[in-house]
């Protein structure tokens, strides 16, 4: 399996990338997108992460804003630069093509590419505009996004990644038969730092990623540890931790509090054909073993 990761680091993105890089997956490249922070920050954070982990897959700088709606970011969760942990400034640079062009290039080269999209879906929507036959070159598209089995975290109905660019998400759903891994599942994807050896300066950085939710946000959601949302997608690729079911899906692109909401026809009431999948359960123990093992290897 060849894997491309589309990402907007982000502390849970950082842990997802750590898991992917330490698990021996064949990563052909990374594309960055504005989401948890600006495109300048998410691209810098991606390059800094790779140097922190001593890896060098190519990175392409992607979309700097949503297709239509006004941009909103999440530094209030992930830190002023979009990533806690105070990593050193990277020396590397992104490749000289856009994120969307890079996706198309790698898909054509491979012919059976898997994409893990753990940020807003702007790059994938733009890639479809460049190459309408992109679905023919892809094996699987997994998306961290949606809130089928939980309330939203950006509006009462919408999760952050889909809310950030609902028009792009709708375009991806229409064409790429994606699998959505949503909040109702990823909120259970936690790892207690006390179960790990996080001694030393590198361990302190990882601990900040693991406990990135501010205290008041944890109290709001009634949780003890920060969900590592994006790592659930990667853990499924490495360890098959998710249960997935086919569904008829729709993304609300109308203005209002439901903009960006993922609608899943669980009981088939619309009689519409299935056009994607949703994760319905997660093996939490297997997830923790996978992420904890990867952290131990990285440190």
C-alpha atoms as a PDB file:
ATOM      1  CA  UNK A   1       0.000   0.000   0.000  1.00  0.00           C
ATOM      2  CA  UNK A   2       1.300   3.427  -0.990  1.00  0.00           C
ATOM      3  CA  UNK A   3       0.021   6.206   1.277  1.00  0.00           C
ATOM      4  CA  UNK A   4      -0.283   9.965   0.883  1.00  0.00           C
ATOM      5  CA  UNK A   5      -1.250  11.959   3.994  1.00  0.00           C
ATOM      6  CA  UNK A   6      -3.097  15.263   3.641  1.00  0.00           C
ATOM      7  CA  UNK A   7      -2.664  17.133   6.924  1.00  0.00           C
ATOM      8  CA  UNK A   8      -2.896  20.388   8.888  1.00  0.00           C
ATOM      9  CA  UNK A   9      -0.688  19.940  12.007  1.00  0.00           C
ATOM     10  CA  UNK A  10      -2.203  20.302  14.686  1.00  0.00           C
ATOM     11  CA  UNK A  11      -1.236  18.177  17.712  1.00  0.00           C
ATOM     12  CA  UNK A  12      -3.352  15.143  16.840  1.00  0.00           C
ATOM     13  CA  UNK A  13      -1.988  15.376  13.289  1.00  0.00           C
ATOM     14  CA  UNK A  14       1.519  15.307  14.781  1.00  0.00           C
ATOM     15  CA  UNK A  15       0.767  12.059  16.583  1.00  0.00           C
ATOM     16  CA  UNK A  16      -0.893  10.611  13.486  1.00  0.00           C
ATOM     17  CA  UNK A  17       2.237  11.389  11.469  1.00  0.00           C
ATOM     18  CA  UNK A  18       4.440   9.905  14.190  1.00  0.00           C
ATOM     19  CA  UNK A  19       2.391   6.702  14.095  1.00  0.00           C
ATOM     20  CA  UNK A  20       2.513   6.523  10.306  1.00  0.00           C
ATOM     21  CA  UNK A  21       6.251   7.168  10.115  1.00  0.00           C
ATOM     22  CA  UNK A  22       7.128   4.702  12.874  1.00  0.00           C
ATOM     23  CA  UNK A  23       4.890   1.942  11.531  1.00  0.00           C
ATOM     24  CA  UNK A  24       6.724   1.296   8.292  1.00  0.00           C
ATOM     25  CA  UNK A  25       3.953   2.463   5.993  1.00  0.00           C
ATOM     26  CA  UNK A  26       5.052   3.347   2.460  1.00  0.00           C
ATOM     27  CA  UNK A  27       4.479   7.098   2.619  1.00  0.00           C
ATOM     28  CA  UNK A  28       4.947   8.680  -0.808  1.00  0.00           C
ATOM     29  CA  UNK A  29       4.459  12.218   0.475  1.00  0.00           C
ATOM     30  CA  UNK A  30       2.546  14.696   2.565  1.00  0.00           C
ATOM     31  CA  UNK A  31       0.350  17.593   1.496  1.00  0.00           C
ATOM     32  CA  UNK A  32      -0.502  20.453   3.814  1.00  0.00           C
ATOM     33  CA  UNK A  33      -3.732  22.405   4.069  1.00  0.00           C
ATOM     34  CA  UNK A  34      -4.957  25.356   6.105  1.00  0.00           C
ATOM     35  CA  UNK A  35      -7.135  24.180   8.970  1.00  0.00           C
ATOM     36  CA  UNK A  36      -5.851  24.027  12.515  1.00  0.00           C
ATOM     37  CA  UNK A  37      -3.766  27.057  11.556  1.00  0.00           C
ATOM     38  CA  UNK A  38      -2.733  29.013   8.460  1.00  0.00           C
ATOM     39  CA  UNK A  39      -1.079  27.277   5.538  1.00  0.00           C
ATOM     40  CA  UNK A  40       2.247  28.909   6.431  1.00  0.00           C
ATOM     41  CA  UNK A  41       2.034  27.421   9.917  1.00  0.00           C
ATOM     42  CA  UNK A  42       0.769  23.970   8.931  1.00  0.00           C
ATOM     43  CA  UNK A  43       3.480  23.651   6.272  1.00  0.00           C
ATOM     44  CA  UNK A  44       6.204  24.776   8.663  1.00  0.00           C
ATOM     45  CA  UNK A  45       4.852  22.448  11.339  1.00  0.00           C
ATOM     46  CA  UNK A  46       4.883  19.489   8.947  1.00  0.00           C
ATOM     47  CA  UNK A  47       8.483  20.127   7.937  1.00  0.00           C
ATOM     48  CA  UNK A  48       9.511  20.633  11.576  1.00  0.00           C
ATOM     49  CA  UNK A  49       7.781  17.391  12.568  1.00  0.00           C
ATOM     50  CA  UNK A  50       9.646  15.438   9.919  1.00  0.00           C
ATOM     51  CA  UNK A  51      12.961  16.800  11.144  1.00  0.00           C
ATOM     52  CA  UNK A  52      11.993  16.060  14.761  1.00  0.00           C
ATOM     53  CA  UNK A  53      11.320  12.451  13.704  1.00  0.00           C
ATOM     54  CA  UNK A  54      14.344  12.325  11.342  1.00  0.00           C
ATOM     55  CA  UNK A  55      12.294  11.435   8.265  1.00  0.00           C
ATOM     56  CA  UNK A  56      12.186  13.077   4.852  1.00  0.00           C
ATOM     57  CA  UNK A  57       9.180  12.220   2.665  1.00  0.00           C
ATOM     58  CA  UNK A  58       8.381  15.077   0.248  1.00  0.00           C
ATOM     59  CA  UNK A  59       5.980  17.774   1.412  1.00  0.00           C
ATOM     60  CA  UNK A  60       3.786  19.880  -0.889  1.00  0.00           C
ATOM     61  CA  UNK A  61       2.232  23.122   0.332  1.00  0.00           C
ATOM     62  CA  UNK A  62      -1.504  23.020  -0.331  1.00  0.00           C
ATOM     63  CA  UNK A  63      -4.546  25.255  -0.198  1.00  0.00           C
ATOM     64  CA  UNK A  64      -4.365  28.397   1.905  1.00  0.00           C
ATOM     65  CA  UNK A  65      -8.108  28.880   2.269  1.00  0.00           C
ATOM     66  CA  UNK A  66     -11.433  27.049   1.782  1.00  0.00           C
ATOM     67  CA  UNK A  67     -13.100  26.931  -1.621  1.00  0.00           C
ATOM     68  CA  UNK A  68     -15.957  29.259  -0.656  1.00  0.00           C
ATOM     69  CA  UNK A  69     -16.435  30.014   3.020  1.00  0.00           C
ATOM     70  CA  UNK A  70     -14.415  32.260   5.279  1.00  0.00           C
ATOM     71  CA  UNK A  71     -11.436  30.591   6.888  1.00  0.00           C
ATOM     72  CA  UNK A  72     -11.425  29.746  10.578  1.00  0.00           C
ATOM     73  CA  UNK A  73      -8.534  28.155  12.461  1.00  0.00           C
ATOM     74  CA  UNK A  74      -8.002  26.466  15.831  1.00  0.00           C
ATOM     75  CA  UNK A  75      -4.940  27.962  17.485  1.00  0.00           C
ATOM     76  CA  UNK A  76      -7.013  28.224  20.675  1.00  0.00           C
ATOM     77  CA  UNK A  77      -6.787  24.414  20.815  1.00  0.00           C
ATOM     78  CA  UNK A  78      -3.440  23.618  19.200  1.00  0.00           C
ATOM     79  CA  UNK A  79      -1.294  26.578  20.248  1.00  0.00           C
ATOM     80  CA  UNK A  80      -0.287  29.913  18.765  1.00  0.00           C
ATOM     81  CA  UNK A  81       1.589  28.387  15.816  1.00  0.00           C
ATOM     82  CA  UNK A  82      -0.934  25.574  15.381  1.00  0.00           C
ATOM     83  CA  UNK A  83       1.311  23.028  17.116  1.00  0.00           C
ATOM     84  CA  UNK A  84       2.380  22.871  20.731  1.00  0.00           C
ATOM     85  CA  UNK A  85       5.806  21.592  21.665  1.00  0.00           C
ATOM     86  CA  UNK A  86       8.149  24.381  20.522  1.00  0.00           C
ATOM     87  CA  UNK A  87       9.845  22.479  17.691  1.00  0.00           C
ATOM     88  CA  UNK A  88      12.942  23.929  16.050  1.00  0.00           C
ATOM     89  CA  UNK A  89      12.445  25.884  12.838  1.00  0.00           C
ATOM     90  CA  UNK A  90      12.790  23.481   9.906  1.00  0.00           C
ATOM     91  CA  UNK A  91      15.606  23.681   7.385  1.00  0.00           C
ATOM     92  CA  UNK A  92      13.674  21.831   4.680  1.00  0.00           C
ATOM     93  CA  UNK A  93      11.375  23.291   2.055  1.00  0.00           C
ATOM     94  CA  UNK A  94       8.244  22.022   0.327  1.00  0.00           C
ATOM     95  CA  UNK A  95       8.456  20.747  -3.231  1.00  0.00           C
ATOM     96  CA  UNK A  96       7.760  23.133  -6.079  1.00  0.00           C
ATOM     97  CA  UNK A  97       4.203  22.015  -6.908  1.00  0.00           C
ATOM     98  CA  UNK A  98       0.936  22.708  -5.150  1.00  0.00           C
ATOM     99  CA  UNK A  99      -0.680  20.188  -2.841  1.00  0.00           C
ATOM    100  CA  UNK A 100      -3.441  19.431  -5.347  1.00  0.00           C
ATOM    101  CA  UNK A 101      -0.951  18.955  -8.197  1.00  0.00           C
ATOM    102  CA  UNK A 102       1.163  16.708  -5.968  1.00  0.00           C
ATOM    103  CA  UNK A 103      -1.841  14.505  -5.160  1.00  0.00           C
ATOM    104  CA  UNK A 104      -2.584  14.090  -8.860  1.00  0.00           C
ATOM    105  CA  UNK A 105       1.070  13.409  -9.668  1.00  0.00           C
ATOM    106  CA  UNK A 106       1.447  10.704  -7.014  1.00  0.00           C
ATOM    107  CA  UNK A 107      -1.910   9.131  -7.862  1.00  0.00           C
ATOM    108  CA  UNK A 108      -0.992   8.851 -11.549  1.00  0.00           C
ATOM    109  CA  UNK A 109       2.437   7.426 -10.693  1.00  0.00           C
ATOM    110  CA  UNK A 110       1.081   4.789  -8.345  1.00  0.00           C
ATOM    111  CA  UNK A 111      -2.278   3.913  -9.880  1.00  0.00           C
ATOM    112  CA  UNK A 112      -3.566   2.457  -6.601  1.00  0.00           C
ATOM    113  CA  UNK A 113      -2.853   5.137  -4.009  1.00  0.00           C
ATOM    114  CA  UNK A 114      -4.378   5.344  -0.542  1.00  0.00           C
ATOM    115  CA  UNK A 115      -5.036   8.824   0.868  1.00  0.00           C
ATOM    116  CA  UNK A 116      -5.433   9.603   4.558  1.00  0.00           C
ATOM    117  CA  UNK A 117      -7.040  13.044   4.749  1.00  0.00           C
ATOM    118  CA  UNK A 118      -6.778  14.325   8.317  1.00  0.00           C
ATOM    119  CA  UNK A 119      -7.522  18.003   7.706  1.00  0.00           C
ATOM    120  CA  UNK A 120     -10.040  19.983   5.634  1.00  0.00           C
ATOM    121  CA  UNK A 121     -10.613  18.444   2.207  1.00  0.00           C
ATOM    122  CA  UNK A 122      -9.715  21.453   0.048  1.00  0.00           C
ATOM    123  CA  UNK A 123      -6.663  19.857  -1.593  1.00  0.00           C
ATOM    124  CA  UNK A 124      -8.616  16.763  -2.622  1.00  0.00           C
ATOM    125  CA  UNK A 125     -11.413  18.841  -4.133  1.00  0.00           C
ATOM    126  CA  UNK A 126      -8.880  20.896  -6.097  1.00  0.00           C
ATOM    127  CA  UNK A 127      -7.135  17.712  -7.245  1.00  0.00           C
ATOM    128  CA  UNK A 128     -10.459  16.485  -8.647  1.00  0.00           C
ATOM    129  CA  UNK A 129     -10.669  19.718 -10.614  1.00  0.00           C
ATOM    130  CA  UNK A 130      -7.251  19.037 -12.135  1.00  0.00           C
ATOM    131  CA  UNK A 131      -7.860  15.340 -12.803  1.00  0.00           C
ATOM    132  CA  UNK A 132     -11.510  14.284 -13.071  1.00  0.00           C
ATOM    133  CA  UNK A 133     -10.331  10.668 -13.416  1.00  0.00           C
ATOM    134  CA  UNK A 134      -8.594  10.803 -10.035  1.00  0.00           C
ATOM    135  CA  UNK A 135     -10.914   8.112  -8.571  1.00  0.00           C
ATOM    136  CA  UNK A 136      -9.468   5.619 -11.077  1.00  0.00           C
ATOM    137  CA  UNK A 137      -6.001   6.090  -9.558  1.00  0.00           C
ATOM    138  CA  UNK A 138      -7.018   5.665  -5.906  1.00  0.00           C
ATOM    139  CA  UNK A 139      -7.513   2.540  -3.831  1.00  0.00           C
ATOM    140  CA  UNK A 140      -8.988   4.124  -0.698  1.00  0.00           C
ATOM    141  CA  UNK A 141      -9.666   7.538   0.832  1.00  0.00           C
ATOM    142  CA  UNK A 142      -9.982   7.744   4.617  1.00  0.00           C
ATOM    143  CA  UNK A 143     -11.128  11.007   6.169  1.00  0.00           C
ATOM    144  CA  UNK A 144     -10.993  12.141   9.770  1.00  0.00           C
ATOM    145  CA  UNK A 145     -14.194  14.110   9.766  1.00  0.00           C
ATOM    146  CA  UNK A 146     -17.855  14.235  10.568  1.00  0.00           C
ATOM    147  CA  UNK A 147     -19.927  13.771  13.713  1.00  0.00           C
ATOM    148  CA  UNK A 148     -22.385  10.993  12.902  1.00  0.00           C
ATOM    149  CA  UNK A 149     -22.390   9.507  16.419  1.00  0.00           C
ATOM    150  CA  UNK A 150     -21.672  12.641  18.442  1.00  0.00           C
ATOM    151  CA  UNK A 151     -22.461  16.361  18.533  1.00  0.00           C
ATOM    152  CA  UNK A 152     -20.187  18.609  16.516  1.00  0.00           C
ATOM    153  CA  UNK A 153     -17.196  20.468  17.879  1.00  0.00           C
ATOM    154  CA  UNK A 154     -17.483  23.531  15.617  1.00  0.00           C
ATOM    155  CA  UNK A 155     -21.263  23.834  15.617  1.00  0.00           C
ATOM    156  CA  UNK A 156     -23.745  21.622  17.452  1.00  0.00           C
ATOM    157  CA  UNK A 157     -23.939  19.547  14.271  1.00  0.00           C
ATOM    158  CA  UNK A 158     -20.606  19.932  12.472  1.00  0.00           C
ATOM    159  CA  UNK A 159     -17.084  18.634  13.115  1.00  0.00           C
ATOM    160  CA  UNK A 160     -14.106  20.945  12.530  1.00  0.00           C
ATOM    161  CA  UNK A 161     -12.526  19.417   9.403  1.00  0.00           C
ATOM    162  CA  UNK A 162     -15.764  19.230   7.422  1.00  0.00           C
ATOM    163  CA  UNK A 163     -17.002  22.565   8.764  1.00  0.00           C
ATOM    164  CA  UNK A 164     -13.734  24.196   7.647  1.00  0.00           C
ATOM    165  CA  UNK A 165     -14.556  23.517   3.989  1.00  0.00           C
ATOM    166  CA  UNK A 166     -17.952  21.861   3.528  1.00  0.00           C
ATOM    167  CA  UNK A 167     -18.035  22.548  -0.198  1.00  0.00           C
ATOM    168  CA  UNK A 168     -14.778  20.671  -0.694  1.00  0.00           C
ATOM    169  CA  UNK A 169     -16.007  17.855   1.533  1.00  0.00           C
ATOM    170  CA  UNK A 170     -19.184  17.543  -0.518  1.00  0.00           C
ATOM    171  CA  UNK A 171     -17.152  17.388  -3.741  1.00  0.00           C
ATOM    172  CA  UNK A 172     -14.960  14.634  -2.301  1.00  0.00           C
ATOM    173  CA  UNK A 173     -17.991  12.667  -1.147  1.00  0.00           C
ATOM    174  CA  UNK A 174     -19.572  12.903  -4.594  1.00  0.00           C
ATOM    175  CA  UNK A 175     -16.514  11.454  -6.343  1.00  0.00           C
ATOM    176  CA  UNK A 176     -14.172   9.469  -4.083  1.00  0.00           C
ATOM    177  CA  UNK A 177     -16.291   6.975  -2.119  1.00  0.00           C
ATOM    178  CA  UNK A 178     -14.556   7.983   1.131  1.00  0.00           C
ATOM    179  CA  UNK A 179     -14.580   6.446   4.590  1.00  0.00           C
ATOM    180  CA  UNK A 180     -15.346   8.977   7.338  1.00  0.00           C
ATOM    181  CA  UNK A 181     -13.952   8.474  10.834  1.00  0.00           C
ATOM    182  CA  UNK A 182     -15.949  10.869  12.988  1.00  0.00           C
ATOM    183  CA  UNK A 183     -16.017  12.369  16.446  1.00  0.00           C
ATOM    184  CA  UNK A 184     -18.247   9.739  18.008  1.00  0.00           C
ATOM    185  CA  UNK A 185     -15.441   7.246  17.347  1.00  0.00           C
ATOM    186  CA  UNK A 186     -12.312   9.386  17.653  1.00  0.00           C
ATOM    187  CA  UNK A 187     -13.310  10.849  21.023  1.00  0.00           C
ATOM    188  CA  UNK A 188     -12.481   7.406  22.409  1.00  0.00           C
ATOM    189  CA  UNK A 189      -9.022   7.395  20.772  1.00  0.00           C
ATOM    190  CA  UNK A 190      -7.087   8.556  23.830  1.00  0.00           C
ATOM    191  CA  UNK A 191      -3.761   7.606  25.392  1.00  0.00           C
ATOM    192  CA  UNK A 192      -2.848   8.450  28.996  1.00  0.00           C
ATOM    193  CA  UNK A 193       0.680   9.929  29.034  1.00  0.00           C
ATOM    194  CA  UNK A 194       1.191   8.356  32.470  1.00  0.00           C
ATOM    195  CA  UNK A 195       1.330   4.932  30.781  1.00  0.00           C
ATOM    196  CA  UNK A 196       4.388   5.946  28.729  1.00  0.00           C
ATOM    197  CA  UNK A 197       8.027   6.819  29.395  1.00  0.00           C
ATOM    198  CA  UNK A 198       8.066  10.450  28.271  1.00  0.00           C
ATOM    199  CA  UNK A 199      11.257  11.464  30.027  1.00  0.00           C
ATOM    200  CA  UNK A 200      13.606  13.952  28.416  1.00  0.00           C
ATOM    201  CA  UNK A 201      13.003  16.903  26.143  1.00  0.00           C
ATOM    202  CA  UNK A 202      11.592  14.826  23.254  1.00  0.00           C
ATOM    203  CA  UNK A 203       9.183  13.078  25.571  1.00  0.00           C
ATOM    204  CA  UNK A 204       8.015  16.443  26.896  1.00  0.00           C
ATOM    205  CA  UNK A 205       7.114  17.502  23.354  1.00  0.00           C
ATOM    206  CA  UNK A 206       5.070  14.347  22.770  1.00  0.00           C
ATOM    207  CA  UNK A 207       3.330  14.814  26.130  1.00  0.00           C
ATOM    208  CA  UNK A 208       2.197  18.268  25.029  1.00  0.00           C
ATOM    209  CA  UNK A 209       0.706  16.715  21.896  1.00  0.00           C
ATOM    210  CA  UNK A 210      -1.082  14.044  23.924  1.00  0.00           C
ATOM    211  CA  UNK A 211      -2.597  16.575  26.330  1.00  0.00           C
ATOM    212  CA  UNK A 212      -3.240  19.403  23.876  1.00  0.00           C
ATOM    213  CA  UNK A 213      -6.853  20.128  24.853  1.00  0.00           C
ATOM    214  CA  UNK A 214      -7.024  23.046  27.317  1.00  0.00           C
ATOM    215  CA  UNK A 215      -8.482  22.103  30.699  1.00  0.00           C
ATOM    216  CA  UNK A 216     -11.694  24.040  30.115  1.00  0.00           C
ATOM    217  CA  UNK A 217     -12.299  22.161  26.858  1.00  0.00           C
ATOM    218  CA  UNK A 218     -11.831  18.800  28.561  1.00  0.00           C
ATOM    219  CA  UNK A 219     -14.302  19.858  31.230  1.00  0.00           C
ATOM    220  CA  UNK A 220     -16.793  20.913  28.550  1.00  0.00           C
ATOM    221  CA  UNK A 221     -16.700  17.455  26.972  1.00  0.00           C
ATOM    222  CA  UNK A 222     -16.401  15.551  30.252  1.00  0.00           C
ATOM    223  CA  UNK A 223     -13.140  13.803  29.281  1.00  0.00           C
ATOM    224  CA  UNK A 224      -9.887  13.205  31.151  1.00  0.00           C
ATOM    225  CA  UNK A 225      -7.506  12.987  28.199  1.00  0.00           C
ATOM    226  CA  UNK A 226      -7.338  14.666  24.798  1.00  0.00           C
ATOM    227  CA  UNK A 227      -8.683  12.590  21.912  1.00  0.00           C
ATOM    228  CA  UNK A 228      -6.027  11.891  19.300  1.00  0.00           C
ATOM    229  CA  UNK A 229      -8.609  12.128  16.521  1.00  0.00           C
ATOM    230  CA  UNK A 230      -6.387  11.910  13.458  1.00  0.00           C
ATOM    231  CA  UNK A 231      -4.295   9.010  14.721  1.00  0.00           C
ATOM    232  CA  UNK A 232      -7.397   6.776  14.646  1.00  0.00           C
ATOM    233  CA  UNK A 233      -7.292   6.911  10.831  1.00  0.00           C
ATOM    234  CA  UNK A 234      -3.630   5.883  10.714  1.00  0.00           C
ATOM    235  CA  UNK A 235      -4.125   3.178  13.357  1.00  0.00           C
ATOM    236  CA  UNK A 236      -6.766   1.628  11.116  1.00  0.00           C
ATOM    237  CA  UNK A 237      -4.222   1.431   8.295  1.00  0.00           C
ATOM    238  CA  UNK A 238      -1.592  -0.107  10.564  1.00  0.00           C
ATOM    239  CA  UNK A 239      -3.725  -2.272  12.865  1.00  0.00           C
ATOM    240  CA  UNK A 240      -7.303  -2.386  11.540  1.00  0.00           C
ATOM    241  CA  UNK A 241      -8.754  -0.823  14.690  1.00  0.00           C
ATOM    242  CA  UNK A 242     -12.034   0.402  13.171  1.00  0.00           C
ATOM    243  CA  UNK A 243     -15.341  -1.221  12.340  1.00  0.00           C
ATOM    244  CA  UNK A 244     -16.666   0.345   9.129  1.00  0.00           C
ATOM    245  CA  UNK A 245     -20.085   0.200   7.464  1.00  0.00           C
ATOM    246  CA  UNK A 246     -21.311   1.362   4.063  1.00  0.00           C
ATOM    247  CA  UNK A 247     -23.894   4.146   4.087  1.00  0.00           C
ATOM    248  CA  UNK A 248     -25.716   6.675   1.983  1.00  0.00           C
ATOM    249  CA  UNK A 249     -24.073   9.940   3.039  1.00  0.00           C
ATOM    250  CA  UNK A 250     -24.588  13.649   2.461  1.00  0.00           C
ATOM    251  CA  UNK A 251     -22.813  16.806   3.623  1.00  0.00           C
ATOM    252  CA  UNK A 252     -24.872  19.887   4.378  1.00  0.00           C
ATOM    253  CA  UNK A 253     -23.467  22.874   2.467  1.00  0.00           C
ATOM    254  CA  UNK A 254     -26.278  25.291   3.310  1.00  0.00           C
ATOM    255  CA  UNK A 255     -25.663  28.347   5.463  1.00  0.00           C
ATOM    256  CA  UNK A 256     -26.523  27.939   9.123  1.00  0.00           C
ATOM    257  CA  UNK A 257     -25.534  25.864  12.140  1.00  0.00           C
ATOM    258  CA  UNK A 258     -25.674  22.585  10.203  1.00  0.00           C
ATOM    259  CA  UNK A 259     -23.208  23.727   7.506  1.00  0.00           C
ATOM    260  CA  UNK A 260     -20.572  21.004   7.265  1.00  0.00           C
ATOM    261  CA  UNK A 261     -22.649  18.351   9.043  1.00  0.00           C
ATOM    262  CA  UNK A 262     -22.237  14.790   7.792  1.00  0.00           C
ATOM    263  CA  UNK A 263     -25.597  13.020   7.402  1.00  0.00           C
ATOM    264  CA  UNK A 264     -25.587   9.220   7.478  1.00  0.00           C
ATOM    265  CA  UNK A 265     -28.676   7.258   6.460  1.00  0.00           C
ATOM    266  CA  UNK A 266     -28.212   4.478   9.011  1.00  0.00           C
ATOM    267  CA  UNK A 267     -31.614   2.868   8.457  1.00  0.00           C
ATOM    268  CA  UNK A 268     -31.917   3.419   4.696  1.00  0.00           C
ATOM    269  CA  UNK A 269     -34.936   5.694   5.040  1.00  0.00           C
ATOM    270  CA  UNK A 270     -34.010   7.730   1.955  1.00  0.00           C
ATOM    271  CA  UNK A 271     -33.512   4.603  -0.177  1.00  0.00           C
ATOM    272  CA  UNK A 272     -30.507   6.387  -1.694  1.00  0.00           C
ATOM    273  CA  UNK A 273     -27.555   4.219  -2.826  1.00  0.00           C
ATOM    274  CA  UNK A 274     -24.561   3.856  -0.534  1.00  0.00           C
ATOM    275  CA  UNK A 275     -21.846   6.298  -1.555  1.00  0.00           C
ATOM    276  CA  UNK A 276     -19.302   5.985   1.244  1.00  0.00           C
ATOM    277  CA  UNK A 277     -18.570   4.470   4.619  1.00  0.00           C
ATOM    278  CA  UNK A 278     -18.504   5.522   8.250  1.00  0.00           C
ATOM    279  CA  UNK A 279     -16.576   4.096  11.167  1.00  0.00           C
ATOM    280  CA  UNK A 280     -19.018   2.716  13.737  1.00  0.00           C
ATOM    281  CA  UNK A 281     -16.636   1.404  16.418  1.00  0.00           C
ATOM    282  CA  UNK A 282     -12.977   1.407  17.481  1.00  0.00           C
ATOM    283  CA  UNK A 283     -10.861  -1.154  19.313  1.00  0.00           C
ATOM    284  CA  UNK A 284      -9.523   1.275  21.911  1.00  0.00           C
ATOM    285  CA  UNK A 285      -7.014  -1.170  23.386  1.00  0.00           C
ATOM    286  CA  UNK A 286      -5.512  -1.893  19.964  1.00  0.00           C
ATOM    287  CA  UNK A 287      -5.391   1.821  19.206  1.00  0.00           C
ATOM    288  CA  UNK A 288      -3.500   2.548  22.415  1.00  0.00           C
ATOM    289  CA  UNK A 289      -1.079  -0.291  21.795  1.00  0.00           C
ATOM    290  CA  UNK A 290      -0.369   0.974  18.290  1.00  0.00           C
ATOM    291  CA  UNK A 291       0.141   4.616  19.227  1.00  0.00           C
ATOM    292  CA  UNK A 292       2.002   3.843  22.446  1.00  0.00           C
ATOM    293  CA  UNK A 293       4.347   1.482  20.617  1.00  0.00           C
ATOM    294  CA  UNK A 294       5.046   4.064  17.935  1.00  0.00           C
ATOM    295  CA  UNK A 295       5.795   6.743  20.528  1.00  0.00           C
ATOM    296  CA  UNK A 296       8.152   4.382  22.337  1.00  0.00           C
ATOM    297  CA  UNK A 297       9.931   3.656  19.047  1.00  0.00           C
ATOM    298  CA  UNK A 298      10.191   7.340  18.142  1.00  0.00           C
ATOM    299  CA  UNK A 299      11.634   8.309  21.517  1.00  0.00           C
END
